[in-house]
Every structure is written in structure tokens, then in C-alpha cells.
Amino acid sequence: MPTITAGLNGLGRFGLHLLRAWLDLPDPPLRITAINDAHHTLASAVRVLSEDPKVSFSDCQIRADGDALLIARHGQATLRIAYSHGPAAHAPWLGQTDWWLECSGAHPGALQCRRFLAGQTRRVLVSATCHDADQTLVFGYNHESFDPAAEVISYGSCTVNAFVPLAHWLQRHYGVDNAEVSVIHNVPAHRLANHPHPERRACTLETEGPRLLPFLAPAAFRVDYVLIPYTGVSLIDFRFGLAMPPSEAVLLDALDTACASGELKGLVRLSPVNAGPQAFALSPESVVLLRPRARLTGKRLVLPACFDNENSATRYLDLLAFMARRGG
């Protein structure tokens, strides 16, 4: 099968995590051949990749060569990735890759994204909620419904990926009558000055949850979302009203099995210790539930959790790899 070429638009926090995860794939079915960023010049991109305090590229030699980013790793061929700086619509490689990976956050609508369907580019994959996308595919939930005719596809969001597979598993085993989610979300370090105080905001999960999960009525679902001036791993707590719950121990043991070796493996982790949020930095799972803090009172299940929202790029890459292996 020919390798699919992809161009990455946006080398911010999500893009950095995605690039690192892609480099670590042992046999990637897609190849990132171009990067564009509206904020980083090639020189600053080299500096960020070399010095980022969280996403380490220490096993790579990174340098600029003309208009390209060169990434060399021991024992591997040097990667040459075309690099451009400026508005996405002016990227010189526009239309020259099979897929456009929209990871800038600047183009959340399908109409905006369709502008990138030019030349040989036949698909745009959005790293955020895109309400009017042809499909929203959450890896581990509905990714196998991928329609090869879809041109604009959303992976959901960090909160959608944290909630949807877990809620679906609970519905299948115990029935979910209602649910609430509380999110305490971080701020990237370079934006701290713009967010000096906590801010209550709307969360796209509140609309996407019921849209993706037919059993969840909008009136029976609520999301409280607070952005806080903090750069670490974010917090997310789930509260479910269950129709037919077993005992707390039985439920948590079943959840543990599903996370360790069942249908939630790689998506959700049930931690046996109540570690601080930073213990879960770079976690490949979409969310880490804290078993010592979990409680089942009557039919009310409370699951406190942490999630490295930046590293939800791993789910985006899972989705990319799945679609590429399906033939793109």
C-alpha cells in the first residue's frame, strides 16, 4: 500500500505532541512531509523542538536546511520536512500532500477547512471539535465507521476522547441515566499572561456528548469547564447516574479489567494510587481515573481523574493510522 503523505498545519502544543508520537511509530502508514505554522519561523521551530521542557526530542538532531526541517535519529534515514511560516492559505505546499492535518485551532469549521482541499489533497483532519464535519470519529468508540468519502473529519477533542469511550462502556454494562463532567483545564505557558484568572467557559463536550452517544439526552448531561492559569496536567471528574450498578468493588474491578486488557485498553487507565496530576504527564491514555478517589453511592458513580489534554494528540494519531491502513 502506498504511504499517505500528510501536511501538518500548526506546530503548537498539540502539533508538538503529534510530531513526537508520529516519530515514535515503528512503521508509520503515513508520512508527514510538510509543516506550516503561523507563529513559528523555521528558526524558532528548530529552537522549540530542541528546547521544549515537556516534549523531548533529545534523541534527535534537528536543524534547518534552506526551507526544510531536518530530523536525524541514530540508525535511521534523515527526515526532510518542508517548512513554511505564515497563514495556512499561503503555505507553498498547499495541495501537494494527500491529507491536511489541521492542528492550529484557527480553522474549526468545515467550510474553512474545505479551502485546503486543493490539488492532490483529498482529506482534512481537524484536531478539535468541528460541528459541521462530514464525520466525527472518536478512536475506540466509532472509528470503524470511517467513511472513505468523508473529506473533513474531526477527532472530537481532548474532553470528548476522555468521556465518550468511558461513558459508552458504562452504558453497555450498567446503563447510564445521566452524567456530569467537571473540567479544570490548563493554559499553555505562552498564554498565561492572557489568562491571569480562572475563567468559566462553555465546553464543546456538552453538545458533542449527546450527539455522539444516542442514549445520553441533552437534558441529562452537564459539563462545567474552568480554565485556570496553570500549565500542568489538567483535571476532569465524571459523575454518572447508573441504572443497574453492582457493588463498588465489583464495578471498579470490571473497569480495571476493561482498562488493562479489555475494550478500554490504551484509552483509559485506572490508577491504583492517587498521585498528583504531574505523575500523569505524557500519559498515552486519554484519561487516568484515580481508583482511591472513586465512589459509588447508591446509583451515583463518581470518578475523579486527570488527563494530559495536550497529549490527546495520541488519539488523533491513532485515528490517522487507522484510516491510513484502511486505505485512506
C-alpha atoms as a PDB file:
ATOM      1  CA  MET A   1       0.000   0.000   0.000  1.00  0.00           C
ATOM      2  CA  PRO A   2       1.497   3.416  -0.939  1.00  0.00           C
ATOM      3  CA  THR A   3       2.315   5.622   2.042  1.00  0.00           C
ATOM      4  CA  ILE A   4      -0.070   8.536   2.514  1.00  0.00           C
ATOM      5  CA  THR A   5       1.597  11.938   2.664  1.00  0.00           C
ATOM      6  CA  ALA A   6       0.359  14.498   5.169  1.00  0.00           C
ATOM      7  CA  GLY A   7       0.988  18.167   5.798  1.00  0.00           C
ATOM      8  CA  LEU A   8       0.758  19.469   9.364  1.00  0.00           C
ATOM      9  CA  ASN A   9      -0.668  22.948   9.916  1.00  0.00           C
ATOM     10  CA  GLY A  10       0.093  24.121  13.444  1.00  0.00           C
ATOM     11  CA  LEU A  11       3.209  23.392  15.485  1.00  0.00           C
ATOM     12  CA  GLY A  12       1.755  24.471  18.823  1.00  0.00           C
ATOM     13  CA  ARG A  13       1.318  22.227  21.860  1.00  0.00           C
ATOM     14  CA  PHE A  14      -0.865  19.690  20.029  1.00  0.00           C
ATOM     15  CA  GLY A  15       1.334  19.697  16.937  1.00  0.00           C
ATOM     16  CA  LEU A  16       4.487  19.120  19.000  1.00  0.00           C
ATOM     17  CA  HIS A  17       2.942  16.111  20.724  1.00  0.00           C
ATOM     18  CA  LEU A  18       1.691  14.772  17.403  1.00  0.00           C
ATOM     19  CA  LEU A  19       5.083  15.093  15.725  1.00  0.00           C
ATOM     20  CA  ARG A  20       6.793  13.327  18.638  1.00  0.00           C
ATOM     21  CA  ALA A  21       4.242  10.483  18.667  1.00  0.00           C
ATOM     22  CA  TRP A  22       4.497  10.096  14.887  1.00  0.00           C
ATOM     23  CA  LEU A  23       8.298   9.842  15.075  1.00  0.00           C
ATOM     24  CA  ASP A  24       7.895   7.020  17.612  1.00  0.00           C
ATOM     25  CA  LEU A  25       5.632   4.909  15.384  1.00  0.00           C
ATOM     26  CA  PRO A  26       7.641   1.822  14.393  1.00  0.00           C
ATOM     27  CA  ASP A  27       6.101   1.531  10.912  1.00  0.00           C
ATOM     28  CA  PRO A  28       4.019   4.646  10.211  1.00  0.00           C
ATOM     29  CA  PRO A  29       1.412   4.196   7.462  1.00  0.00           C
ATOM     30  CA  LEU A  30       1.548   7.922   6.735  1.00  0.00           C
ATOM     31  CA  ARG A  31       4.422  10.324   6.224  1.00  0.00           C
ATOM     32  CA  ILE A  32       4.475  13.951   7.391  1.00  0.00           C
ATOM     33  CA  THR A  33       6.206  15.719   4.530  1.00  0.00           C
ATOM     34  CA  ALA A  34       5.399  19.377   5.277  1.00  0.00           C
ATOM     35  CA  ILE A  35       4.713  21.671   8.231  1.00  0.00           C
ATOM     36  CA  ASN A  36       3.254  25.174   8.326  1.00  0.00           C
ATOM     37  CA  ASP A  37       2.906  27.384  11.375  1.00  0.00           C
ATOM     38  CA  ALA A  38       1.514  30.903  11.587  1.00  0.00           C
ATOM     39  CA  HIS A  39       3.637  31.825  14.619  1.00  0.00           C
ATOM     40  CA  HIS A  40       6.959  29.946  14.442  1.00  0.00           C
ATOM     41  CA  THR A  41       9.558  30.711  11.825  1.00  0.00           C
ATOM     42  CA  LEU A  42      11.773  27.803  10.828  1.00  0.00           C
ATOM     43  CA  ALA A  43      14.479  29.063  13.199  1.00  0.00           C
ATOM     44  CA  SER A  44      12.080  29.283  16.148  1.00  0.00           C
ATOM     45  CA  ALA A  45      10.615  25.864  15.276  1.00  0.00           C
ATOM     46  CA  VAL A  46      14.117  24.355  15.489  1.00  0.00           C
ATOM     47  CA  ARG A  47      14.585  26.075  18.838  1.00  0.00           C
ATOM     48  CA  VAL A  48      11.245  24.845  20.215  1.00  0.00           C
ATOM     49  CA  LEU A  49      11.889  21.270  19.092  1.00  0.00           C
ATOM     50  CA  SER A  50      15.356  21.377  20.639  1.00  0.00           C
ATOM     51  CA  GLU A  51      14.416  23.028  23.932  1.00  0.00           C
ATOM     52  CA  ASP A  52      10.786  22.230  24.779  1.00  0.00           C
ATOM     53  CA  PRO A  53      10.693  21.380  28.510  1.00  0.00           C
ATOM     54  CA  LYS A  54       7.936  18.790  28.173  1.00  0.00           C
ATOM     55  CA  VAL A  55       8.019  17.162  24.738  1.00  0.00           C
ATOM     56  CA  SER A  56      11.562  15.889  24.378  1.00  0.00           C
ATOM     57  CA  PHE A  57      13.298  15.424  21.031  1.00  0.00           C
ATOM     58  CA  SER A  58      16.626  14.750  22.749  1.00  0.00           C
ATOM     59  CA  ASP A  59      17.168  11.589  20.683  1.00  0.00           C
ATOM     60  CA  CYS A  60      17.043  13.660  17.500  1.00  0.00           C
ATOM     61  CA  GLN A  61      19.407  16.037  15.779  1.00  0.00           C
ATOM     62  CA  ILE A  62      17.290  18.877  14.475  1.00  0.00           C
ATOM     63  CA  ARG A  63      18.404  21.615  12.118  1.00  0.00           C
ATOM     64  CA  ALA A  64      17.224  23.844   9.320  1.00  0.00           C
ATOM     65  CA  ASP A  65      18.351  23.421   5.741  1.00  0.00           C
ATOM     66  CA  GLY A  66      17.029  26.024   3.339  1.00  0.00           C
ATOM     67  CA  ASP A  67      13.238  25.874   3.671  1.00  0.00           C
ATOM     68  CA  ALA A  68      13.221  22.445   5.282  1.00  0.00           C
ATOM     69  CA  LEU A  69      13.327  20.969   8.762  1.00  0.00           C
ATOM     70  CA  LEU A  70      15.788  18.087   9.052  1.00  0.00           C
ATOM     71  CA  ILE A  71      15.298  15.472  11.788  1.00  0.00           C
ATOM     72  CA  ALA A  72      18.037  12.847  12.181  1.00  0.00           C
ATOM     73  CA  ARG A  73      17.923   9.870  14.543  1.00  0.00           C
ATOM     74  CA  HIS A  74      20.632   7.307  15.118  1.00  0.00           C
ATOM     75  CA  GLY A  75      20.352   4.395  12.718  1.00  0.00           C
ATOM     76  CA  GLN A  76      17.571   5.994  10.669  1.00  0.00           C
ATOM     77  CA  ALA A  77      17.458   7.983   7.473  1.00  0.00           C
ATOM     78  CA  THR A  78      17.264  11.738   8.000  1.00  0.00           C
ATOM     79  CA  LEU A  79      13.753  13.116   7.566  1.00  0.00           C
ATOM     80  CA  ARG A  80      13.427  16.200   5.398  1.00  0.00           C
ATOM     81  CA  ILE A  81      10.176  18.066   6.031  1.00  0.00           C
ATOM     82  CA  ALA A  82       9.266  21.156   4.014  1.00  0.00           C
ATOM     83  CA  TYR A  83       8.613  24.071   6.394  1.00  0.00           C
ATOM     84  CA  SER A  84       6.677  27.290   5.883  1.00  0.00           C
ATOM     85  CA  HIS A  85       5.715  30.175   8.145  1.00  0.00           C
ATOM     86  CA  GLY A  86       2.586  32.230   7.656  1.00  0.00           C
ATOM     87  CA  PRO A  87      -1.158  31.964   7.050  1.00  0.00           C
ATOM     88  CA  ALA A  88      -2.291  28.449   6.183  1.00  0.00           C
ATOM     89  CA  ALA A  89      -3.847  29.565   2.903  1.00  0.00           C
ATOM     90  CA  HIS A  90      -0.421  30.762   1.743  1.00  0.00           C
ATOM     91  CA  ALA A  91       1.502  27.582   2.571  1.00  0.00           C
ATOM     92  CA  PRO A  92       3.585  26.853  -0.546  1.00  0.00           C
ATOM     93  CA  TRP A  93       2.891  23.115  -0.200  1.00  0.00           C
ATOM     94  CA  LEU A  94      -0.888  23.570  -0.158  1.00  0.00           C
ATOM     95  CA  GLY A  95      -2.412  20.893  -2.397  1.00  0.00           C
ATOM     96  CA  GLN A  96       0.779  18.822  -2.537  1.00  0.00           C
ATOM     97  CA  THR A  97       0.002  16.289   0.221  1.00  0.00           C
ATOM     98  CA  ASP A  98      -2.723  13.644   0.378  1.00  0.00           C
ATOM     99  CA  TRP A  99      -4.013  14.842   3.755  1.00  0.00           C
ATOM    100  CA  TRP A 100      -4.047  18.178   5.544  1.00  0.00           C
ATOM    101  CA  LEU A 101      -3.660  17.842   9.331  1.00  0.00           C
ATOM    102  CA  GLU A 102      -5.402  20.907  10.745  1.00  0.00           C
ATOM    103  CA  CYS A 103      -3.876  21.278  14.216  1.00  0.00           C
ATOM    104  CA  SER A 104      -3.653  25.060  14.552  1.00  0.00           C
ATOM    105  CA  GLY A 105      -7.024  25.631  16.221  1.00  0.00           C
ATOM    106  CA  ALA A 106      -7.568  28.522  13.821  1.00  0.00           C
ATOM    107  CA  HIS A 107      -9.901  26.708  11.411  1.00  0.00           C
ATOM    108  CA  PRO A 108     -12.592  24.909  13.463  1.00  0.00           C
ATOM    109  CA  GLY A 109     -15.316  24.948  10.803  1.00  0.00           C
ATOM    110  CA  ALA A 110     -15.737  22.571   7.876  1.00  0.00           C
ATOM    111  CA  LEU A 111     -16.283  25.438   5.434  1.00  0.00           C
ATOM    112  CA  GLN A 112     -12.919  26.918   6.430  1.00  0.00           C
ATOM    113  CA  CYS A 113     -11.234  23.531   6.154  1.00  0.00           C
ATOM    114  CA  ARG A 114     -12.592  22.800   2.684  1.00  0.00           C
ATOM    115  CA  ARG A 115     -10.331  25.569   1.368  1.00  0.00           C
ATOM    116  CA  PHE A 116      -7.434  23.187   1.960  1.00  0.00           C
ATOM    117  CA  LEU A 117      -8.934  20.540  -0.332  1.00  0.00           C
ATOM    118  CA  ALA A 118      -6.856  21.545  -3.321  1.00  0.00           C
ATOM    119  CA  GLY A 119      -4.610  19.746  -5.763  1.00  0.00           C
ATOM    120  CA  GLN A 120      -3.964  16.207  -4.536  1.00  0.00           C
ATOM    121  CA  THR A 121      -5.250  16.915  -1.005  1.00  0.00           C
ATOM    122  CA  ARG A 122      -8.444  14.938  -0.522  1.00  0.00           C
ATOM    123  CA  ARG A 123      -8.966  14.991   3.245  1.00  0.00           C
ATOM    124  CA  VAL A 124      -8.676  17.407   6.187  1.00  0.00           C
ATOM    125  CA  LEU A 125      -8.434  16.019   9.712  1.00  0.00           C
ATOM    126  CA  VAL A 126      -9.265  18.536  12.433  1.00  0.00           C
ATOM    127  CA  SER A 127      -7.713  18.302  15.895  1.00  0.00           C
ATOM    128  CA  ALA A 128     -10.729  19.904  17.555  1.00  0.00           C
ATOM    129  CA  THR A 129     -14.495  19.763  17.650  1.00  0.00           C
ATOM    130  CA  CYS A 130     -15.864  20.600  14.205  1.00  0.00           C
ATOM    131  CA  HIS A 131     -19.656  20.597  14.438  1.00  0.00           C
ATOM    132  CA  ASP A 132     -20.231  20.510  10.696  1.00  0.00           C
ATOM    133  CA  ALA A 133     -17.519  17.997   9.794  1.00  0.00           C
ATOM    134  CA  ASP A 134     -18.515  15.162   7.482  1.00  0.00           C
ATOM    135  CA  GLN A 135     -17.704  12.790  10.353  1.00  0.00           C
ATOM    136  CA  THR A 136     -16.592  12.990  13.974  1.00  0.00           C
ATOM    137  CA  LEU A 137     -14.603   9.853  14.743  1.00  0.00           C
ATOM    138  CA  VAL A 138     -13.574   9.055  18.302  1.00  0.00           C
ATOM    139  CA  PHE A 139     -10.916   6.371  18.326  1.00  0.00           C
ATOM    140  CA  GLY A 140     -12.041   3.422  20.419  1.00  0.00           C
ATOM    141  CA  TYR A 141     -15.705   4.291  20.004  1.00  0.00           C
ATOM    142  CA  ASN A 142     -16.871   4.824  16.415  1.00  0.00           C
ATOM    143  CA  HIS A 143     -13.639   4.979  14.389  1.00  0.00           C
ATOM    144  CA  GLU A 144     -14.560   1.845  12.443  1.00  0.00           C
ATOM    145  CA  SER A 145     -17.482   3.742  10.892  1.00  0.00           C
ATOM    146  CA  PHE A 146     -14.922   5.765   8.901  1.00  0.00           C
ATOM    147  CA  ASP A 147     -16.372   6.698   5.518  1.00  0.00           C
ATOM    148  CA  PRO A 148     -13.678   6.911   2.805  1.00  0.00           C
ATOM    149  CA  ALA A 149     -15.827   9.528   1.051  1.00  0.00           C
ATOM    150  CA  ALA A 150     -15.601  11.928   4.036  1.00  0.00           C
ATOM    151  CA  GLU A 151     -13.484  14.994   3.253  1.00  0.00           C
ATOM    152  CA  VAL A 152     -13.462  16.815   6.610  1.00  0.00           C
ATOM    153  CA  ILE A 153     -13.144  14.662   9.715  1.00  0.00           C
ATOM    154  CA  SER A 154     -12.928  15.755  13.355  1.00  0.00           C
ATOM    155  CA  TYR A 155     -11.265  13.635  16.014  1.00  0.00           C
ATOM    156  CA  GLY A 156     -13.527  15.221  18.642  1.00  0.00           C
ATOM    157  CA  SER A 157     -11.476  16.966  21.319  1.00  0.00           C
ATOM    158  CA  CYS A 158      -9.417  16.109  24.385  1.00  0.00           C
ATOM    159  CA  THR A 159     -12.544  16.082  26.594  1.00  0.00           C
ATOM    160  CA  VAL A 160     -14.619  14.162  24.023  1.00  0.00           C
ATOM    161  CA  ASN A 161     -11.963  11.451  23.863  1.00  0.00           C
ATOM    162  CA  ALA A 162     -11.748  11.318  27.660  1.00  0.00           C
ATOM    163  CA  PHE A 163     -15.513  10.954  28.136  1.00  0.00           C
ATOM    164  CA  VAL A 164     -17.124   9.134  25.217  1.00  0.00           C
ATOM    165  CA  PRO A 165     -15.467   5.650  25.301  1.00  0.00           C
ATOM    166  CA  LEU A 166     -15.823   5.522  29.104  1.00  0.00           C
ATOM    167  CA  ALA A 167     -19.488   6.548  29.042  1.00  0.00           C
ATOM    168  CA  HIS A 168     -20.175   4.047  26.261  1.00  0.00           C
ATOM    169  CA  TRP A 169     -18.607   1.224  28.298  1.00  0.00           C
ATOM    170  CA  LEU A 170     -20.650   2.138  31.383  1.00  0.00           C
ATOM    171  CA  GLN A 171     -23.847   2.285  29.322  1.00  0.00           C
ATOM    172  CA  ARG A 172     -23.243  -1.153  27.848  1.00  0.00           C
ATOM    173  CA  HIS A 173     -22.639  -2.775  31.245  1.00  0.00           C
ATOM    174  CA  TYR A 174     -24.752  -0.832  33.748  1.00  0.00           C
ATOM    175  CA  GLY A 175     -26.898   1.698  31.896  1.00  0.00           C
ATOM    176  CA  VAL A 176     -26.319   5.465  32.126  1.00  0.00           C
ATOM    177  CA  ASP A 177     -29.313   7.601  33.077  1.00  0.00           C
ATOM    178  CA  ASN A 178     -27.452  10.902  33.341  1.00  0.00           C
ATOM    179  CA  ALA A 179     -23.926  12.294  33.569  1.00  0.00           C
ATOM    180  CA  GLU A 180     -21.967  15.349  34.644  1.00  0.00           C
ATOM    181  CA  VAL A 181     -18.377  16.324  33.904  1.00  0.00           C
ATOM    182  CA  SER A 182     -16.217  18.901  35.683  1.00  0.00           C
ATOM    183  CA  VAL A 183     -13.101  20.079  33.869  1.00  0.00           C
ATOM    184  CA  ILE A 184     -10.221  22.125  35.291  1.00  0.00           C
ATOM    185  CA  HIS A 185      -8.213  22.891  32.183  1.00  0.00           C
ATOM    186  CA  ASN A 186      -4.670  24.184  31.928  1.00  0.00           C
ATOM    187  CA  VAL A 187      -3.259  27.074  29.890  1.00  0.00           C
ATOM    188  CA  PRO A 188      -0.106  26.848  27.724  1.00  0.00           C
ATOM    189  CA  ALA A 189       2.800  28.725  29.284  1.00  0.00           C
ATOM    190  CA  HIS A 190       2.985  31.271  26.450  1.00  0.00           C
ATOM    191  CA  ARG A 191      -0.658  32.254  27.064  1.00  0.00           C
ATOM    192  CA  LEU A 192      -0.542  32.672  30.836  1.00  0.00           C
ATOM    193  CA  ALA A 193      -0.340  36.460  30.619  1.00  0.00           C
ATOM    194  CA  ASN A 194      -3.657  36.485  28.752  1.00  0.00           C
ATOM    195  CA  HIS A 195      -5.410  34.332  31.371  1.00  0.00           C
ATOM    196  CA  PRO A 196      -4.371  35.613  34.821  1.00  0.00           C
ATOM    197  CA  HIS A 197      -7.611  34.489  36.488  1.00  0.00           C
ATOM    198  CA  PRO A 198      -9.861  31.396  36.376  1.00  0.00           C
ATOM    199  CA  GLU A 199     -12.447  31.604  33.609  1.00  0.00           C
ATOM    200  CA  ARG A 200     -15.679  29.654  33.295  1.00  0.00           C
ATOM    201  CA  ARG A 201     -16.277  28.665  29.701  1.00  0.00           C
ATOM    202  CA  ALA A 202     -18.567  26.592  27.554  1.00  0.00           C
ATOM    203  CA  CYS A 203     -17.193  23.182  26.583  1.00  0.00           C
ATOM    204  CA  THR A 204     -17.890  21.527  23.239  1.00  0.00           C
ATOM    205  CA  LEU A 205     -18.239  18.203  25.075  1.00  0.00           C
ATOM    206  CA  GLU A 206     -21.637  19.391  26.352  1.00  0.00           C
ATOM    207  CA  THR A 207     -23.050  19.306  22.811  1.00  0.00           C
ATOM    208  CA  GLU A 208     -20.837  16.557  21.363  1.00  0.00           C
ATOM    209  CA  GLY A 209     -21.518  14.045  24.159  1.00  0.00           C
ATOM    210  CA  PRO A 210     -25.269  13.656  23.459  1.00  0.00           C
ATOM    211  CA  ARG A 211     -24.693  13.942  19.697  1.00  0.00           C
ATOM    212  CA  LEU A 212     -22.247  11.030  19.697  1.00  0.00           C
ATOM    213  CA  LEU A 213     -23.973   8.952  22.395  1.00  0.00           C
ATOM    214  CA  PRO A 214     -27.659   8.429  21.490  1.00  0.00           C
ATOM    215  CA  PHE A 215     -28.508   7.122  24.968  1.00  0.00           C
ATOM    216  CA  LEU A 216     -27.491  10.430  26.590  1.00  0.00           C
ATOM    217  CA  ALA A 217     -30.240  13.047  26.458  1.00  0.00           C
ATOM    218  CA  PRO A 218     -29.009  16.686  26.390  1.00  0.00           C
ATOM    219  CA  ALA A 219     -31.171  17.476  29.423  1.00  0.00           C
ATOM    220  CA  ALA A 220     -29.454  14.673  31.348  1.00  0.00           C
ATOM    221  CA  PHE A 221     -25.911  15.884  30.683  1.00  0.00           C
ATOM    222  CA  ARG A 222     -23.927  18.842  32.002  1.00  0.00           C
ATOM    223  CA  VAL A 223     -20.326  19.993  31.693  1.00  0.00           C
ATOM    224  CA  ASP A 224     -18.692  22.584  33.952  1.00  0.00           C
ATOM    225  CA  TYR A 225     -15.436  23.834  32.436  1.00  0.00           C
ATOM    226  CA  VAL A 226     -12.946  26.171  34.117  1.00  0.00           C
ATOM    227  CA  LEU A 227      -9.749  27.432  32.506  1.00  0.00           C
ATOM    228  CA  ILE A 228      -7.128  28.220  35.152  1.00  0.00           C
ATOM    229  CA  PRO A 229      -3.698  29.933  34.996  1.00  0.00           C
ATOM    230  CA  TYR A 230      -1.731  26.710  35.424  1.00  0.00           C
ATOM    231  CA  THR A 231       0.444  24.828  32.926  1.00  0.00           C
ATOM    232  CA  GLY A 232       0.378  21.260  34.287  1.00  0.00           C
ATOM    233  CA  VAL A 233      -1.786  18.217  33.662  1.00  0.00           C
ATOM    234  CA  SER A 234      -5.499  19.010  33.677  1.00  0.00           C
ATOM    235  CA  LEU A 235      -8.205  17.552  35.923  1.00  0.00           C
ATOM    236  CA  ILE A 236     -11.508  16.026  34.880  1.00  0.00           C
ATOM    237  CA  ASP A 237     -14.121  14.436  37.166  1.00  0.00           C
ATOM    238  CA  PHE A 238     -17.016  12.275  35.970  1.00  0.00           C
ATOM    239  CA  ARG A 239     -20.319  11.682  37.737  1.00  0.00           C
ATOM    240  CA  PHE A 240     -22.725   9.092  36.337  1.00  0.00           C
ATOM    241  CA  GLY A 241     -26.215   8.120  37.370  1.00  0.00           C
ATOM    242  CA  LEU A 242     -26.303   4.366  36.665  1.00  0.00           C
ATOM    243  CA  ALA A 243     -29.421   2.305  36.073  1.00  0.00           C
ATOM    244  CA  MET A 244     -28.199  -1.076  37.345  1.00  0.00           C
ATOM    245  CA  PRO A 245     -24.905  -0.744  39.234  1.00  0.00           C
ATOM    246  CA  PRO A 246     -23.299  -3.661  41.090  1.00  0.00           C
ATOM    247  CA  SER A 247     -21.268  -3.097  44.256  1.00  0.00           C
ATOM    248  CA  GLU A 248     -18.474  -0.509  44.140  1.00  0.00           C
ATOM    249  CA  ALA A 249     -15.735  -3.146  44.257  1.00  0.00           C
ATOM    250  CA  VAL A 250     -17.284  -5.258  41.502  1.00  0.00           C
ATOM    251  CA  LEU A 251     -17.741  -2.240  39.248  1.00  0.00           C
ATOM    252  CA  LEU A 252     -14.198  -0.924  39.781  1.00  0.00           C
ATOM    253  CA  ASP A 253     -12.690  -4.376  39.275  1.00  0.00           C
ATOM    254  CA  ALA A 254     -14.601  -4.726  35.998  1.00  0.00           C
ATOM    255  CA  LEU A 255     -13.455  -1.257  34.960  1.00  0.00           C
ATOM    256  CA  ASP A 256      -9.878  -2.148  35.857  1.00  0.00           C
ATOM    257  CA  THR A 257     -10.041  -5.245  33.649  1.00  0.00           C
ATOM    258  CA  ALA A 258     -11.502  -3.239  30.760  1.00  0.00           C
ATOM    259  CA  CYS A 259      -8.670  -0.710  31.077  1.00  0.00           C
ATOM    260  CA  ALA A 260      -5.899  -3.292  31.446  1.00  0.00           C
ATOM    261  CA  SER A 261      -6.894  -5.822  28.811  1.00  0.00           C
ATOM    262  CA  GLY A 262     -10.389  -5.080  27.520  1.00  0.00           C
ATOM    263  CA  GLU A 263     -12.123  -2.586  25.278  1.00  0.00           C
ATOM    264  CA  LEU A 264     -10.765   0.468  27.125  1.00  0.00           C
ATOM    265  CA  LYS A 265      -7.119  -0.630  26.910  1.00  0.00           C
ATOM    266  CA  GLY A 266      -4.929   2.230  25.745  1.00  0.00           C
ATOM    267  CA  LEU A 267      -7.820   4.675  26.071  1.00  0.00           C
ATOM    268  CA  VAL A 268      -8.476   4.805  29.821  1.00  0.00           C
ATOM    269  CA  ARG A 269      -6.286   3.889  32.781  1.00  0.00           C
ATOM    270  CA  LEU A 270      -7.454   3.161  36.335  1.00  0.00           C
ATOM    271  CA  SER A 271      -4.607   4.197  38.618  1.00  0.00           C
ATOM    272  CA  PRO A 272      -4.308   2.309  41.927  1.00  0.00           C
ATOM    273  CA  VAL A 273      -2.738   5.370  43.570  1.00  0.00           C
ATOM    274  CA  ASN A 274      -3.958   8.926  43.985  1.00  0.00           C
ATOM    275  CA  ALA A 275      -0.857  10.579  42.549  1.00  0.00           C
ATOM    276  CA  GLY A 276      -0.626  14.281  41.769  1.00  0.00           C
ATOM    277  CA  PRO A 277      -1.592  15.416  38.270  1.00  0.00           C
ATOM    278  CA  GLN A 278       2.001  15.735  37.065  1.00  0.00           C
ATOM    279  CA  ALA A 279       2.511  11.994  37.610  1.00  0.00           C
ATOM    280  CA  PHE A 280       0.377  11.527  34.502  1.00  0.00           C
ATOM    281  CA  ALA A 281       2.200  13.928  32.175  1.00  0.00           C
ATOM    282  CA  LEU A 282       2.602  12.422  28.693  1.00  0.00           C
ATOM    283  CA  SER A 283       0.180   9.618  29.584  1.00  0.00           C
ATOM    284  CA  PRO A 284      -0.777   7.889  26.315  1.00  0.00           C
ATOM    285  CA  GLU A 285      -4.298   7.229  27.618  1.00  0.00           C
ATOM    286  CA  SER A 286      -6.998   9.831  27.075  1.00  0.00           C
ATOM    287  CA  VAL A 287      -7.760   9.918  30.798  1.00  0.00           C
ATOM    288  CA  VAL A 288      -6.407   8.399  34.041  1.00  0.00           C
ATOM    289  CA  LEU A 289      -9.049   7.568  36.654  1.00  0.00           C
ATOM    290  CA  LEU A 290      -7.996   7.617  40.319  1.00  0.00           C
ATOM    291  CA  ARG A 291      -9.327   4.458  41.952  1.00  0.00           C
ATOM    292  CA  PRO A 292      -8.724   5.579  45.590  1.00  0.00           C
ATOM    293  CA  ARG A 293     -10.958   8.600  44.942  1.00  0.00           C
ATOM    294  CA  ALA A 294     -13.716   6.691  43.094  1.00  0.00           C
ATOM    295  CA  ARG A 295     -17.049   6.297  44.892  1.00  0.00           C
ATOM    296  CA  LEU A 296     -20.358   4.543  44.207  1.00  0.00           C
ATOM    297  CA  THR A 297     -23.135   5.834  46.441  1.00  0.00           C
ATOM    298  CA  GLY A 298     -26.420   4.178  45.606  1.00  0.00           C
ATOM    299  CA  LYS A 299     -26.646   4.626  41.851  1.00  0.00           C
ATOM    300  CA  ARG A 300     -24.253   7.604  41.726  1.00  0.00           C
ATOM    301  CA  LEU A 301     -20.756   6.826  40.450  1.00  0.00           C
ATOM    302  CA  VAL A 302     -18.027   9.448  40.924  1.00  0.00           C
ATOM    303  CA  LEU A 303     -14.739   9.021  39.056  1.00  0.00           C
ATOM    304  CA  PRO A 304     -12.117  11.727  39.703  1.00  0.00           C
ATOM    305  CA  ALA A 305      -9.427  11.765  37.034  1.00  0.00           C
ATOM    306  CA  CYS A 306      -6.508  13.540  35.374  1.00  0.00           C
ATOM    307  CA  PHE A 307      -5.793  13.989  31.681  1.00  0.00           C
ATOM    308  CA  ASP A 308      -2.873  15.398  29.768  1.00  0.00           C
ATOM    309  CA  ASN A 309      -5.044  17.290  27.311  1.00  0.00           C
ATOM    310  CA  GLU A 310      -2.064  18.226  25.092  1.00  0.00           C
ATOM    311  CA  ASN A 311      -1.152  14.577  24.668  1.00  0.00           C
ATOM    312  CA  SER A 312      -4.586  13.710  23.306  1.00  0.00           C
ATOM    313  CA  ALA A 313      -2.621  14.026  20.065  1.00  0.00           C
ATOM    314  CA  THR A 314      -2.006  10.290  20.609  1.00  0.00           C
ATOM    315  CA  ARG A 315      -5.705   9.599  19.892  1.00  0.00           C
ATOM    316  CA  TYR A 316      -5.556  11.817  16.824  1.00  0.00           C
ATOM    317  CA  LEU A 317      -2.570   9.795  15.595  1.00  0.00           C
ATOM    318  CA  ASP A 318      -4.358   6.518  16.372  1.00  0.00           C
ATOM    319  CA  LEU A 319      -7.192   7.710  14.154  1.00  0.00           C
ATOM    320  CA  LEU A 320      -4.831   8.818  11.374  1.00  0.00           C
ATOM    321  CA  ALA A 321      -3.030   5.466  11.410  1.00  0.00           C
ATOM    322  CA  PHE A 322      -6.296   3.528  11.364  1.00  0.00           C
ATOM    323  CA  MET A 323      -7.630   5.453   8.376  1.00  0.00           C
ATOM    324  CA  ALA A 324      -4.316   5.203   6.532  1.00  0.00           C
ATOM    325  CA  ARG A 325      -4.248   1.429   6.999  1.00  0.00           C
ATOM    326  CA  ARG A 326      -7.822   1.280   5.715  1.00  0.00           C
ATOM    327  CA  GLY A 327      -6.544   2.809   2.506  1.00  0.00           C
ATOM    328  CA  GLY A 328      -7.102   6.449   3.333  1.00  0.00           C
END
